[in-house]
């Protein structure tokens, strides 16, 4: 990433970059979807980048219908924040962003949540298709004060922590993370059915909630971590443990603390970078451009992200 690139210093260059990315196949109206009668409005009376649709007669710019819509932050700063987020393997804090690009902490915090929304992927993905192997595991992070054991200063175990269930498909190298309320089999099994093909082979640890997976999928095997067994031939969860290691280093070292209401966006951030990593021939620019593509069709207001408990 070249920080002297005009797209990071000039708002018009940034707008043209976003237009080239979003409208690579031609300008379209974000209000009605029209493509034939979109006219650019020229002259001193109109702000740069303003278009009008001849079908619905509404005006629009390239930011309409994206997470950047109605933001007072210059578009070049939005692009810089997006590229910084895309190129930071373990994330970048809102405090760091506000010092780097010259916005308030409150603004930087909200910008990053909008970018995380653009990173979020809601497209259905079937892991383990064609008899592939899927690793399943859970991790714990933070502290849910509502579940702290009574009579203790710091609760032991994991009951008081936030819980994240993750899947990694060994064949495709894709990951998916879901924030869950508990680790009961009745909670996890519907999630696994929804996201994993029935012909898949599942590898887990010996946790009891995975006891009956052979009934749902082609095969299930596990390692006994409690007995010191972590690898038995192809049976292991080392891939997903590596995924968790980056996630936890970022959450503990960069963001430090996070409330339950925001955790799904942070999980989506690390999931996105893992699924668009260098080993899959995705560089920083390609990753940032994927975020810009994901910004379309998503809106987020400050009210939806208020109660800031994340750095």
Foldseek 3Di string as FASTA:
>chain_A
DDCPPVLLVPLVVVQVVLCCLQQVVADADLVPRHGPAWAADDDPVDDPQWIAGPPVRDIDGSCPQFQCPPDPPRSSLLLVLLLQLLADLLGAQLVVSCVVSPHDSLVSVSSVLSLLLLLFDPDAAAAQPPAFEKEKDKDWDAFQPVQADPPDPHRPDGRGTWMKIKMATPVLQAMDIDTDNDLALVGVVVVNLRHYDQAYEYAYAPDPSCVPCVVRHVYYDYHHVVVVTADDPPHHNVSVVVLVVSNVCSCCVHWNHDDPLCVNSSSSSSSSSSSQDVVVVHDSVNSSSSSSNSRGNDYDDVVSVPPDDID
